[in-house]
Amino acid sequence: MSITNRSKKPRAVCIEPEGADFWMLPEQTFELRAEATSAEDRFELQDDGDSLQVFFGRSYISVFCDGQELECGHQRPQTV
């Protein structure tokens, strides 16, 4: 699944339930990858305006940008 920040400010993408955070710059696109363990597994998104929470069954979610896997805290602002 790909997501793009269409706002004019950095936006947090929070992977749940781990609580990992990745920060998207305006117009930046992230790719979310997870391994399905059941036919019912699917991405679920919750948008609160300032951040996006992402859930996917019981699988670990990896976040990529331009083909590179990102680490937790990617582009996190000094003050959150």
C-alpha atoms as a PDB file:
ATOM      1  CA  MET A   1       0.000   0.000   0.000  1.00  0.00           C
ATOM      2  CA  SER A   2       1.324   3.460  -0.868  1.00  0.00           C
ATOM      3  CA  ILE A   3       0.457   6.643   1.013  1.00  0.00           C
ATOM      4  CA  THR A   4       1.361  10.237   0.132  1.00  0.00           C
ATOM      5  CA  ASN A   5       1.419  13.302   2.359  1.00  0.00           C
ATOM      6  CA  ARG A   6      -0.689  15.847   0.462  1.00  0.00           C
ATOM      7  CA  SER A   7      -0.533  18.413   3.277  1.00  0.00           C
ATOM      8  CA  LYS A   8       1.905  21.323   3.472  1.00  0.00           C
ATOM      9  CA  LYS A   9       3.553  20.132   6.704  1.00  0.00           C
ATOM     10  CA  PRO A  10       5.359  16.995   7.942  1.00  0.00           C
ATOM     11  CA  ARG A  11       2.988  14.251   9.051  1.00  0.00           C
ATOM     12  CA  ALA A  12       3.484  11.303  11.376  1.00  0.00           C
ATOM     13  CA  VAL A  13       2.695   7.768  10.257  1.00  0.00           C
ATOM     14  CA  CYS A  14       2.347   5.588  13.375  1.00  0.00           C
ATOM     15  CA  ILE A  15       2.544   1.816  12.996  1.00  0.00           C
ATOM     16  CA  GLU A  16       0.395   0.028  15.558  1.00  0.00           C
ATOM     17  CA  PRO A  17       0.507  -1.733  17.903  1.00  0.00           C
ATOM     18  CA  GLU A  18       4.321  -1.223  17.985  1.00  0.00           C
ATOM     19  CA  GLY A  19       4.024   2.564  18.169  1.00  0.00           C
ATOM     20  CA  ALA A  20       6.795   3.071  15.595  1.00  0.00           C
ATOM     21  CA  ASP A  21       6.727   6.537  14.036  1.00  0.00           C
ATOM     22  CA  PHE A  22       7.849   7.654  10.587  1.00  0.00           C
ATOM     23  CA  TRP A  23       7.546  11.250   9.424  1.00  0.00           C
ATOM     24  CA  MET A  24       6.526  12.159   5.887  1.00  0.00           C
ATOM     25  CA  LEU A  25       7.503  15.468   4.326  1.00  0.00           C
ATOM     26  CA  PRO A  26       4.959  17.265   2.099  1.00  0.00           C
ATOM     27  CA  GLU A  27       4.368  15.352  -1.163  1.00  0.00           C
ATOM     28  CA  GLN A  28       6.515  12.428   0.037  1.00  0.00           C
ATOM     29  CA  THR A  29       5.251   8.879  -0.577  1.00  0.00           C
ATOM     30  CA  PHE A  30       5.811   5.859   1.673  1.00  0.00           C
ATOM     31  CA  GLU A  31       5.141   2.239   0.780  1.00  0.00           C
ATOM     32  CA  LEU A  32       3.759   0.000   3.534  1.00  0.00           C
ATOM     33  CA  ARG A  33       4.477  -3.734   3.331  1.00  0.00           C
ATOM     34  CA  ALA A  34       3.223  -6.563   5.522  1.00  0.00           C
ATOM     35  CA  GLU A  35       2.947 -10.318   5.147  1.00  0.00           C
ATOM     36  CA  ALA A  36      -0.617 -11.580   5.281  1.00  0.00           C
ATOM     37  CA  THR A  37      -1.130 -14.569   7.546  1.00  0.00           C
ATOM     38  CA  SER A  38      -4.805 -14.905   6.668  1.00  0.00           C
ATOM     39  CA  ALA A  39      -7.086 -14.006   3.776  1.00  0.00           C
ATOM     40  CA  GLU A  40      -8.799 -11.556   6.131  1.00  0.00           C
ATOM     41  CA  ASP A  41      -5.650  -9.522   6.858  1.00  0.00           C
ATOM     42  CA  ARG A  42      -5.848  -6.005   5.454  1.00  0.00           C
ATOM     43  CA  PHE A  43      -4.484  -2.558   6.163  1.00  0.00           C
ATOM     44  CA  GLU A  44      -6.616  -0.374   8.393  1.00  0.00           C
ATOM     45  CA  LEU A  45      -5.970   3.356   8.591  1.00  0.00           C
ATOM     46  CA  GLN A  46      -7.108   5.923  11.148  1.00  0.00           C
ATOM     47  CA  ASP A  47      -6.588   9.559  10.187  1.00  0.00           C
ATOM     48  CA  ASP A  48      -6.783  12.133  12.985  1.00  0.00           C
ATOM     49  CA  GLY A  49      -5.675  15.045  10.812  1.00  0.00           C
ATOM     50  CA  ASP A  50      -2.186  15.409  12.311  1.00  0.00           C
ATOM     51  CA  SER A  51      -1.121  11.782  12.026  1.00  0.00           C
ATOM     52  CA  LEU A  52      -2.085   8.506  10.439  1.00  0.00           C
ATOM     53  CA  GLN A  53      -2.287   5.279  12.455  1.00  0.00           C
ATOM     54  CA  VAL A  54      -1.754   2.075  10.477  1.00  0.00           C
ATOM     55  CA  PHE A  55      -2.824  -1.435  11.506  1.00  0.00           C
ATOM     56  CA  PHE A  56      -2.432  -4.762   9.681  1.00  0.00           C
ATOM     57  CA  GLY A  57      -3.683  -7.926  11.365  1.00  0.00           C
ATOM     58  CA  ARG A  58      -0.957  -9.432  13.542  1.00  0.00           C
ATOM     59  CA  SER A  59       1.863  -8.911  11.052  1.00  0.00           C
ATOM     60  CA  TYR A  60       4.834  -6.569  11.300  1.00  0.00           C
ATOM     61  CA  ILE A  61       4.587  -3.595   8.941  1.00  0.00           C
ATOM     62  CA  SER A  62       7.700  -2.401   7.088  1.00  0.00           C
ATOM     63  CA  VAL A  63       7.882   1.151   5.759  1.00  0.00           C
ATOM     64  CA  PHE A  64       9.800   2.028   2.583  1.00  0.00           C
ATOM     65  CA  CYS A  65      10.603   5.236   0.711  1.00  0.00           C
ATOM     66  CA  ASP A  66      12.181   5.175  -2.741  1.00  0.00           C
ATOM     67  CA  GLY A  67      12.878   1.444  -2.330  1.00  0.00           C
ATOM     68  CA  GLN A  68      14.777   1.837   0.970  1.00  0.00           C
ATOM     69  CA  GLU A  69      13.409   0.413   4.215  1.00  0.00           C
ATOM     70  CA  LEU A  70      13.081   3.134   6.852  1.00  0.00           C
ATOM     71  CA  GLU A  71      13.890   2.963  10.554  1.00  0.00           C
ATOM     72  CA  CYS A  72      11.610   4.077  13.362  1.00  0.00           C
ATOM     73  CA  GLY A  73      11.904   7.828  13.898  1.00  0.00           C
ATOM     74  CA  HIS A  74      12.621   8.584  10.237  1.00  0.00           C
ATOM     75  CA  GLN A  75      12.595  12.418   9.820  1.00  0.00           C
ATOM     76  CA  ARG A  76      11.145  12.871  13.330  1.00  0.00           C
ATOM     77  CA  PRO A  77      11.123  16.578  14.261  1.00  0.00           C
ATOM     78  CA  GLN A  78      13.210  17.728  17.234  1.00  0.00           C
ATOM     79  CA  THR A  79      10.025  18.782  19.019  1.00  0.00           C
ATOM     80  CA  VAL A  80       7.020  16.518  18.764  1.00  0.00           C
END
